[in-house]
PDB file of N, CA and C in Angstrom:
ATOM      1  N   MET A   1       0.854  -1.164   0.000  1.00  0.00           N
ATOM      2  CA  MET A   1       0.000   0.000   0.000  1.00  0.00           C
ATOM      3  C   MET A   1       0.903   1.230   0.000  1.00  0.00           C
ATOM      4  N   ASP A   2       0.642   2.177  -0.900  1.00  0.00           N
ATOM      5  CA  ASP A   2       1.449   3.390  -0.945  1.00  0.00           C
ATOM      6  C   ASP A   2       0.811   4.494  -0.088  1.00  0.00           C
ATOM      7  N   LYS A   3       1.463   5.648  -0.018  1.00  0.00           N
ATOM      8  CA  LYS A   3       0.969   6.735   0.835  1.00  0.00           C
ATOM      9  C   LYS A   3      -0.394   7.257   0.397  1.00  0.00           C
ATOM     10  N   ASP A   4      -0.667   7.281  -0.893  1.00  0.00           N
ATOM     11  CA  ASP A   4      -1.969   7.752  -1.359  1.00  0.00           C
ATOM     12  C   ASP A   4      -3.088   6.825  -0.895  1.00  0.00           C
ATOM     13  N   GLU A   5      -2.874   5.528  -1.012  1.00  0.00           N
ATOM     14  CA  GLU A   5      -3.877   4.571  -0.537  1.00  0.00           C
ATOM     15  C   GLU A   5      -4.020   4.649   0.986  1.00  0.00           C
ATOM     16  N   ALA A   6      -2.892   4.798   1.669  1.00  0.00           N
ATOM     17  CA  ALA A   6      -2.918   4.909   3.133  1.00  0.00           C
ATOM     18  C   ALA A   6      -3.679   6.156   3.562  1.00  0.00           C
ATOM     19  N   ALA A   7      -3.488   7.259   2.863  1.00  0.00           N
ATOM     20  CA  ALA A   7      -4.199   8.493   3.193  1.00  0.00           C
ATOM     21  C   ALA A   7      -5.704   8.310   3.013  1.00  0.00           C
ATOM     22  N   TYR A   8      -6.102   7.600   1.980  1.00  0.00           N
ATOM     23  CA  TYR A   8      -7.526   7.331   1.758  1.00  0.00           C
ATOM     24  C   TYR A   8      -8.108   6.539   2.930  1.00  0.00           C
ATOM     25  N   VAL A   9      -7.421   5.482   3.365  1.00  0.00           N
ATOM     26  CA  VAL A   9      -7.905   4.661   4.478  1.00  0.00           C
ATOM     27  C   VAL A   9      -7.948   5.477   5.765  1.00  0.00           C
ATOM     28  N   LEU A  10      -6.921   6.283   5.999  1.00  0.00           N
ATOM     29  CA  LEU A  10      -6.894   7.116   7.201  1.00  0.00           C
ATOM     30  C   LEU A  10      -8.058   8.103   7.202  1.00  0.00           C
ATOM     31  N   ALA A  11      -8.318   8.751   6.070  1.00  0.00           N
ATOM     32  CA  ALA A  11      -9.440   9.690   5.969  1.00  0.00           C
ATOM     33  C   ALA A  11     -10.767   8.960   6.154  1.00  0.00           C
ATOM     34  N   LEU A  12     -10.886   7.808   5.575  1.00  0.00           N
ATOM     35  CA  LEU A  12     -12.105   7.015   5.708  1.00  0.00           C
ATOM     36  C   LEU A  12     -12.341   6.635   7.169  1.00  0.00           C
ATOM     37  N   ALA A  13     -11.328   6.086   7.812  1.00  0.00           N
ATOM     38  CA  ALA A  13     -11.467   5.639   9.206  1.00  0.00           C
ATOM     39  C   ALA A  13     -11.791   6.802  10.140  1.00  0.00           C
ATOM     40  N   GLY A  14     -11.263   7.961   9.839  1.00  0.00           N
ATOM     41  CA  GLY A  14     -11.447   9.097  10.730  1.00  0.00           C
ATOM     42  C   GLY A  14     -12.659   9.961  10.482  1.00  0.00           C
ATOM     43  N   THR A  15     -13.322   9.811   9.323  1.00  0.00           N
ATOM     44  CA  THR A  15     -14.360  10.787   8.988  1.00  0.00           C
ATOM     45  C   THR A  15     -15.674  10.210   8.471  1.00  0.00           C
ATOM     46  N   VAL A  16     -15.751   8.914   8.217  1.00  0.00           N
ATOM     47  CA  VAL A  16     -16.916   8.346   7.543  1.00  0.00           C
ATOM     48  C   VAL A  16     -17.542   7.246   8.399  1.00  0.00           C
ATOM     49  N   SER A  17     -18.860   7.162   8.387  1.00  0.00           N
ATOM     50  CA  SER A  17     -19.546   6.051   9.038  1.00  0.00           C
ATOM     51  C   SER A  17     -19.349   4.798   8.200  1.00  0.00           C
ATOM     52  N   LEU A  18     -18.873   3.752   8.826  1.00  0.00           N
ATOM     53  CA  LEU A  18     -18.708   2.479   8.130  1.00  0.00           C
ATOM     54  C   LEU A  18     -20.030   1.732   8.012  1.00  0.00           C
ATOM     55  N   ALA A  19     -20.975   2.057   8.883  1.00  0.00           N
ATOM     56  CA  ALA A  19     -22.236   1.328   8.938  1.00  0.00           C
ATOM     57  C   ALA A  19     -23.279   1.844   7.956  1.00  0.00           C
ATOM     58  N   TYR A  20     -23.236   3.118   7.618  1.00  0.00           N
ATOM     59  CA  TYR A  20     -24.308   3.718   6.822  1.00  0.00           C
ATOM     60  C   TYR A  20     -23.761   4.389   5.577  1.00  0.00           C
ATOM     61  N   GLY A  21     -24.231   3.949   4.429  1.00  0.00           N
ATOM     62  CA  GLY A  21     -23.836   4.535   3.163  1.00  0.00           C
ATOM     63  C   GLY A  21     -22.495   4.017   2.694  1.00  0.00           C
ATOM     64  N   PRO A  22     -22.185   4.234   1.423  1.00  0.00           N
ATOM     65  CA  PRO A  22     -20.890   3.790   0.922  1.00  0.00           C
ATOM     66  C   PRO A  22     -19.767   4.607   1.568  1.00  0.00           C
ATOM     67  N   PRO A  23     -18.742   3.947   2.064  1.00  0.00           N
ATOM     68  CA  PRO A  23     -17.652   4.682   2.709  1.00  0.00           C
ATOM     69  C   PRO A  23     -16.785   5.409   1.689  1.00  0.00           C
ATOM     70  N   SER A  24     -16.917   6.717   1.660  1.00  0.00           N
ATOM     71  CA  SER A  24     -16.152   7.528   0.717  1.00  0.00           C
ATOM     72  C   SER A  24     -15.849   8.878   1.354  1.00  0.00           C
ATOM     73  N   PRO A  25     -14.620   9.105   1.794  1.00  0.00           N
ATOM     74  CA  PRO A  25     -14.286  10.378   2.436  1.00  0.00           C
ATOM     75  C   PRO A  25     -14.197  11.513   1.420  1.00  0.00           C
ATOM     76  N   ARG A  26     -14.467  12.710   1.883  1.00  0.00           N
ATOM     77  CA  ARG A  26     -14.315  13.893   1.029  1.00  0.00           C
ATOM     78  C   ARG A  26     -12.841  14.078   0.664  1.00  0.00           C
ATOM     79  N   GLN A  27     -12.619  14.631  -0.518  1.00  0.00           N
ATOM     80  CA  GLN A  27     -11.244  14.828  -0.997  1.00  0.00           C
ATOM     81  C   GLN A  27     -10.427  15.717  -0.068  1.00  0.00           C
ATOM     82  N   GLY A  28     -11.080  16.691   0.566  1.00  0.00           N
ATOM     83  CA  GLY A  28     -10.364  17.553   1.506  1.00  0.00           C
ATOM     84  C   GLY A  28      -9.804  16.769   2.678  1.00  0.00           C
ATOM     85  N   TYR A  29     -10.559  15.774   3.144  1.00  0.00           N
ATOM     86  CA  TYR A  29     -10.078  14.928   4.239  1.00  0.00           C
ATOM     87  C   TYR A  29      -8.924  14.043   3.786  1.00  0.00           C
ATOM     88  N   VAL A  30      -8.988  13.569   2.549  1.00  0.00           N
ATOM     89  CA  VAL A  30      -7.894  12.759   2.010  1.00  0.00           C
ATOM     90  C   VAL A  30      -6.630  13.617   1.916  1.00  0.00           C
ATOM     91  N   ALA A  31      -6.768  14.859   1.486  1.00  0.00           N
ATOM     92  CA  ALA A  31      -5.610  15.766   1.404  1.00  0.00           C
ATOM     93  C   ALA A  31      -5.019  16.018   2.789  1.00  0.00           C
ATOM     94  N   GLU A  32      -5.870  16.183   3.794  1.00  0.00           N
ATOM     95  CA  GLU A  32      -5.374  16.377   5.158  1.00  0.00           C
ATOM     96  C   GLU A  32      -4.661  15.126   5.658  1.00  0.00           C
ATOM     97  N   ALA A  33      -5.177  13.962   5.330  1.00  0.00           N
ATOM     98  CA  ALA A  33      -4.528  12.714   5.733  1.00  0.00           C
ATOM     99  C   ALA A  33      -3.166  12.572   5.050  1.00  0.00           C
ATOM    100  N   LYS A  34      -3.087  12.953   3.772  1.00  0.00           N
ATOM    101  CA  LYS A  34      -1.788  12.921   3.072  1.00  0.00           C
ATOM    102  C   LYS A  34      -0.782  13.804   3.781  1.00  0.00           C
ATOM    103  N   ALA A  35      -1.204  14.980   4.181  1.00  0.00           N
ATOM    104  CA  ALA A  35      -0.306  15.891   4.892  1.00  0.00           C
ATOM    105  C   ALA A  35       0.145  15.289   6.221  1.00  0.00           C
ATOM    106  N   ALA A  36      -0.767  14.594   6.908  1.00  0.00           N
ATOM    107  CA  ALA A  36      -0.426  13.977   8.195  1.00  0.00           C
ATOM    108  C   ALA A  36       0.600  12.864   8.027  1.00  0.00           C
ATOM    109  N   LEU A  37       0.629  12.216   6.875  1.00  0.00           N
ATOM    110  CA  LEU A  37       1.553  11.111   6.638  1.00  0.00           C
ATOM    111  C   LEU A  37       2.908  11.564   6.112  1.00  0.00           C
ATOM    112  N   GLU A  38       3.057  12.838   5.832  1.00  0.00           N
ATOM    113  CA  GLU A  38       4.300  13.344   5.260  1.00  0.00           C
ATOM    114  C   GLU A  38       5.507  13.168   6.166  1.00  0.00           C
ATOM    115  N   ASP A  39       5.297  13.032   7.479  1.00  0.00           N
ATOM    116  CA  ASP A  39       6.426  12.853   8.390  1.00  0.00           C
ATOM    117  C   ASP A  39       7.065  11.471   8.284  1.00  0.00           C
ATOM    118  N   LEU A  40       6.366  10.550   7.651  1.00  0.00           N
ATOM    119  CA  LEU A  40       6.940   9.223   7.472  1.00  0.00           C
ATOM    120  C   LEU A  40       7.811   9.188   6.227  1.00  0.00           C
ATOM    121  N   ALA A  41       8.836   8.359   6.273  1.00  0.00           N
ATOM    122  CA  ALA A  41       9.781   8.244   5.157  1.00  0.00           C
ATOM    123  C   ALA A  41       9.091   7.695   3.910  1.00  0.00           C
ATOM    124  N   GLU A  42       9.722   7.903   2.778  1.00  0.00           N
ATOM    125  CA  GLU A  42       9.156   7.425   1.514  1.00  0.00           C
ATOM    126  C   GLU A  42       9.017   5.914   1.476  1.00  0.00           C
ATOM    127  N   ASP A  43       9.851   5.193   2.221  1.00  0.00           N
ATOM    128  CA  ASP A  43       9.768   3.736   2.225  1.00  0.00           C
ATOM    129  C   ASP A  43       8.923   3.209   3.384  1.00  0.00           C
ATOM    130  N   ALA A  44       8.075   4.052   3.959  1.00  0.00           N
ATOM    131  CA  ALA A  44       7.209   3.636   5.060  1.00  0.00           C
ATOM    132  C   ALA A  44       6.308   2.483   4.616  1.00  0.00           C
ATOM    133  N   VAL A  45       5.951   1.669   5.577  1.00  0.00           N
ATOM    134  CA  VAL A  45       5.067   0.529   5.339  1.00  0.00           C
ATOM    135  C   VAL A  45       3.709   0.846   5.951  1.00  0.00           C
ATOM    136  N   PHE A  46       2.642   0.560   5.203  1.00  0.00           N
ATOM    137  CA  PHE A  46       1.275   0.793   5.663  1.00  0.00           C
ATOM    138  C   PHE A  46       0.477  -0.499   5.550  1.00  0.00           C
ATOM    139  N   LEU A  47      -0.302  -0.777   6.590  1.00  0.00           N
ATOM    140  CA  LEU A  47      -1.131  -1.980   6.622  1.00  0.00           C
ATOM    141  C   LEU A  47      -2.547  -1.604   7.031  1.00  0.00           C
ATOM    142  N   CYS A  48      -3.532  -2.266   6.464  1.00  0.00           N
ATOM    143  CA  CYS A  48      -4.920  -2.092   6.887  1.00  0.00           C
ATOM    144  C   CYS A  48      -5.610  -3.446   6.778  1.00  0.00           C
ATOM    145  N   ASN A  49      -6.870  -3.494   7.128  1.00  0.00           N
ATOM    146  CA  ASN A  49      -7.560  -4.775   7.176  1.00  0.00           C
ATOM    147  C   ASN A  49      -8.519  -5.021   6.013  1.00  0.00           C
ATOM    148  N   GLY A  50      -8.365  -4.299   4.915  1.00  0.00           N
ATOM    149  CA  GLY A  50      -9.268  -4.558   3.800  1.00  0.00           C
ATOM    150  C   GLY A  50      -9.026  -3.698   2.590  1.00  0.00           C
ATOM    151  N   ARG A  51      -9.984  -3.791   1.677  1.00  0.00           N
ATOM    152  CA  ARG A  51      -9.997  -2.980   0.457  1.00  0.00           C
ATOM    153  C   ARG A  51     -11.126  -1.980   0.616  1.00  0.00           C
ATOM    154  N   TRP A  52     -10.801  -0.709   0.694  1.00  0.00           N
ATOM    155  CA  TRP A  52     -11.797   0.311   1.032  1.00  0.00           C
ATOM    156  C   TRP A  52     -12.070   1.297  -0.101  1.00  0.00           C
ATOM    157  N   GLU A  53     -11.381   1.213  -1.205  1.00  0.00           N
ATOM    158  CA  GLU A  53     -11.449   2.281  -2.193  1.00  0.00           C
ATOM    159  C   GLU A  53     -12.553   2.156  -3.236  1.00  0.00           C
ATOM    160  N   ASN A  54     -13.549   1.323  -3.007  1.00  0.00           N
ATOM    161  CA  ASN A  54     -14.650   1.246  -3.972  1.00  0.00           C
ATOM    162  C   ASN A  54     -15.993   1.257  -3.239  1.00  0.00           C
ATOM    163  N   ASP A  55     -17.085   1.185  -3.998  1.00  0.00           N
ATOM    164  CA  ASP A  55     -18.422   1.263  -3.403  1.00  0.00           C
ATOM    165  C   ASP A  55     -18.849  -0.008  -2.683  1.00  0.00           C
ATOM    166  N   SER A  56     -18.095  -1.081  -2.825  1.00  0.00           N
ATOM    167  CA  SER A  56     -18.418  -2.323  -2.111  1.00  0.00           C
ATOM    168  C   SER A  56     -17.154  -2.825  -1.409  1.00  0.00           C
ATOM    169  N   PRO A  57     -16.827  -2.199  -0.296  1.00  0.00           N
ATOM    170  CA  PRO A  57     -15.583  -2.555   0.390  1.00  0.00           C
ATOM    171  C   PRO A  57     -15.611  -3.979   0.944  1.00  0.00           C
ATOM    172  N   SER A  58     -14.446  -4.520   1.134  1.00  0.00           N
ATOM    173  CA  SER A  58     -14.326  -5.824   1.782  1.00  0.00           C
ATOM    174  C   SER A  58     -13.206  -5.735   2.796  1.00  0.00           C
ATOM    175  N   TRP A  59     -13.390  -6.400   3.928  1.00  0.00           N
ATOM    176  CA  TRP A  59     -12.373  -6.338   4.959  1.00  0.00           C
ATOM    177  C   TRP A  59     -12.416  -7.589   5.817  1.00  0.00           C
ATOM    178  N   ASN A  60     -11.338  -7.815   6.534  1.00  0.00           N
ATOM    179  CA  ASN A  60     -11.238  -8.881   7.522  1.00  0.00           C
ATOM    180  C   ASN A  60     -11.300  -8.222   8.888  1.00  0.00           C
ATOM    181  N   PRO A  61     -12.345  -8.466   9.657  1.00  0.00           N
ATOM    182  CA  PRO A  61     -12.469  -7.811  10.958  1.00  0.00           C
ATOM    183  C   PRO A  61     -11.280  -8.125  11.863  1.00  0.00           C
ATOM    184  N   MET A  62     -10.845  -7.117  12.581  1.00  0.00           N
ATOM    185  CA  MET A  62      -9.752  -7.280  13.548  1.00  0.00           C
ATOM    186  C   MET A  62     -10.280  -7.240  14.981  1.00  0.00           C
ATOM    187  N   THR A  63     -11.562  -6.895  15.132  1.00  0.00           N
ATOM    188  CA  THR A  63     -12.166  -6.779  16.456  1.00  0.00           C
ATOM    189  C   THR A  63     -13.519  -7.484  16.434  1.00  0.00           C
ATOM    190  N   SER A  64     -14.197  -7.480  17.561  1.00  0.00           N
ATOM    191  CA  SER A  64     -15.530  -8.085  17.622  1.00  0.00           C
ATOM    192  C   SER A  64     -16.634  -7.099  17.229  1.00  0.00           C
ATOM    193  N   ALA A  65     -16.284  -5.876  16.867  1.00  0.00           N
ATOM    194  CA  ALA A  65     -17.271  -4.881  16.446  1.00  0.00           C
ATOM    195  C   ALA A  65     -17.902  -5.286  15.111  1.00  0.00           C
ATOM    196  N   THR A  66     -19.095  -4.760  14.843  1.00  0.00           N
ATOM    197  CA  THR A  66     -19.751  -5.029  13.567  1.00  0.00           C
ATOM    198  C   THR A  66     -18.887  -4.544  12.402  1.00  0.00           C
ATOM    199  N   PHE A  67     -18.316  -3.353  12.551  1.00  0.00           N
ATOM    200  CA  PHE A  67     -17.442  -2.768  11.532  1.00  0.00           C
ATOM    201  C   PHE A  67     -16.169  -2.292  12.220  1.00  0.00           C
ATOM    202  N   ASP A  68     -15.047  -2.481  11.569  1.00  0.00           N
ATOM    203  CA  ASP A  68     -13.813  -1.871  12.038  1.00  0.00           C
ATOM    204  C   ASP A  68     -12.928  -1.561  10.840  1.00  0.00           C
ATOM    205  N   CYS A  69     -12.127  -0.548  11.010  1.00  0.00           N
ATOM    206  CA  CYS A  69     -11.255  -0.086   9.929  1.00  0.00           C
ATOM    207  C   CYS A  69     -10.091   0.638  10.568  1.00  0.00           C
ATOM    208  N   GLY A  70      -8.936   0.497   9.980  1.00  0.00           N
ATOM    209  CA  GLY A  70      -7.813   1.224  10.533  1.00  0.00           C
ATOM    210  C   GLY A  70      -6.594   1.168   9.653  1.00  0.00           C
ATOM    211  N   LEU A  71      -5.574   1.853  10.141  1.00  0.00           N
ATOM    212  CA  LEU A  71      -4.322   1.951   9.415  1.00  0.00           C
ATOM    213  C   LEU A  71      -3.177   1.838  10.403  1.00  0.00           C
ATOM    214  N   ILE A  72      -2.195   1.037  10.048  1.00  0.00           N
ATOM    215  CA  ILE A  72      -0.944   0.934  10.780  1.00  0.00           C
ATOM    216  C   ILE A  72       0.129   1.441   9.836  1.00  0.00           C
ATOM    217  N   GLY A  73       0.985   2.310  10.316  1.00  0.00           N
ATOM    218  CA  GLY A  73       2.068   2.837   9.495  1.00  0.00           C
ATOM    219  C   GLY A  73       3.358   2.879  10.277  1.00  0.00           C
ATOM    220  N   PHE A  74       4.467   2.612   9.608  1.00  0.00           N
ATOM    221  CA  PHE A  74       5.753   2.701  10.297  1.00  0.00           C
ATOM    222  C   PHE A  74       6.893   2.881   9.305  1.00  0.00           C
ATOM    223  N   ASP A  75       7.926   3.525   9.793  1.00  0.00           N
ATOM    224  CA  ASP A  75       9.201   3.608   9.097  1.00  0.00           C
ATOM    225  C   ASP A  75      10.282   3.318  10.142  1.00  0.00           C
ATOM    226  N   ARG A  76      11.527   3.659   9.865  1.00  0.00           N
ATOM    227  CA  ARG A  76      12.619   3.340  10.795  1.00  0.00           C
ATOM    228  C   ARG A  76      12.536   4.121  12.102  1.00  0.00           C
ATOM    229  N   GLU A  77      11.860   5.271  12.095  1.00  0.00           N
ATOM    230  CA  GLU A  77      11.857   6.126  13.278  1.00  0.00           C
ATOM    231  C   GLU A  77      10.482   6.376  13.889  1.00  0.00           C
ATOM    232  N   ASN A  78       9.423   6.098  13.164  1.00  0.00           N
ATOM    233  CA  ASN A  78       8.071   6.429  13.619  1.00  0.00           C
ATOM    234  C   ASN A  78       7.133   5.245  13.398  1.00  0.00           C
ATOM    235  N   ALA A  79       6.099   5.202  14.223  1.00  0.00           N
ATOM    236  CA  ALA A  79       5.055   4.197  14.034  1.00  0.00           C
ATOM    237  C   ALA A  79       3.753   4.738  14.608  1.00  0.00           C
ATOM    238  N   PHE A  80       2.620   4.289  14.041  1.00  0.00           N
ATOM    239  CA  PHE A  80       1.324   4.680  14.576  1.00  0.00           C
ATOM    240  C   PHE A  80       0.289   3.616  14.240  1.00  0.00           C
ATOM    241  N   ILE A  81      -0.774   3.609  15.025  1.00  0.00           N
ATOM    242  CA  ILE A  81      -1.964   2.802  14.754  1.00  0.00           C
ATOM    243  C   ILE A  81      -3.160   3.714  14.939  1.00  0.00           C
ATOM    244  N   PHE A  82      -4.044   3.750  13.947  1.00  0.00           N
ATOM    245  CA  PHE A  82      -5.299   4.472  14.044  1.00  0.00           C
ATOM    246  C   PHE A  82      -6.388   3.472  13.697  1.00  0.00           C
ATOM    247  N   TRP A  83      -7.230   3.142  14.663  1.00  0.00           N
ATOM    248  CA  TRP A  83      -8.249   2.114  14.449  1.00  0.00           C
ATOM    249  C   TRP A  83      -9.578   2.578  14.995  1.00  0.00           C
ATOM    250  N   VAL A  84     -10.660   2.284  14.287  1.00  0.00           N
ATOM    251  CA  VAL A  84     -12.003   2.621  14.745  1.00  0.00           C
ATOM    252  C   VAL A  84     -12.887   1.386  14.694  1.00  0.00           C
ATOM    253  N   GLU A  85     -13.855   1.373  15.589  1.00  0.00           N
ATOM    254  CA  GLU A  85     -14.893   0.338  15.601  1.00  0.00           C
ATOM    255  C   GLU A  85     -16.234   1.044  15.525  1.00  0.00           C
ATOM    256  N   GLU A  86     -17.196   0.390  14.858  1.00  0.00           N
ATOM    257  CA  GLU A  86     -18.525   0.989  14.755  1.00  0.00           C
ATOM    258  C   GLU A  86     -19.578  -0.112  14.814  1.00  0.00           C
ATOM    259  N   GLU A  87     -20.662   0.186  15.455  1.00  0.00           N
ATOM    260  CA  GLU A  87     -21.807  -0.714  15.508  1.00  0.00           C
ATOM    261  C   GLU A  87     -22.979  -0.035  14.796  1.00  0.00           C
ATOM    262  N   ASP A  88     -23.853  -0.844  14.200  1.00  0.00           N
ATOM    263  CA  ASP A  88     -25.035  -0.252  13.567  1.00  0.00           C
ATOM    264  C   ASP A  88     -26.257  -0.451  14.415  1.00  0.00           C
TER     265      ASP A  88
END
């Protein structure tokens, strides 16, 4: 997963209801997420639990919640986990 895909997942997890409607973050939120990821090196590694970039997402749940989505990112000096759970 590259930084653009990671920014999309981060914006989605932070701004969109996973339970209601197709998950699609506004472009402004994606741009803000890209800016937030700029502190990570170009060779940073990003992991998430599914495919979120279309109108019919698929994911492997990581929690017991009805819906969950998140992003793990790391490079040689930094690491983060941003995860959300949602119930309908």
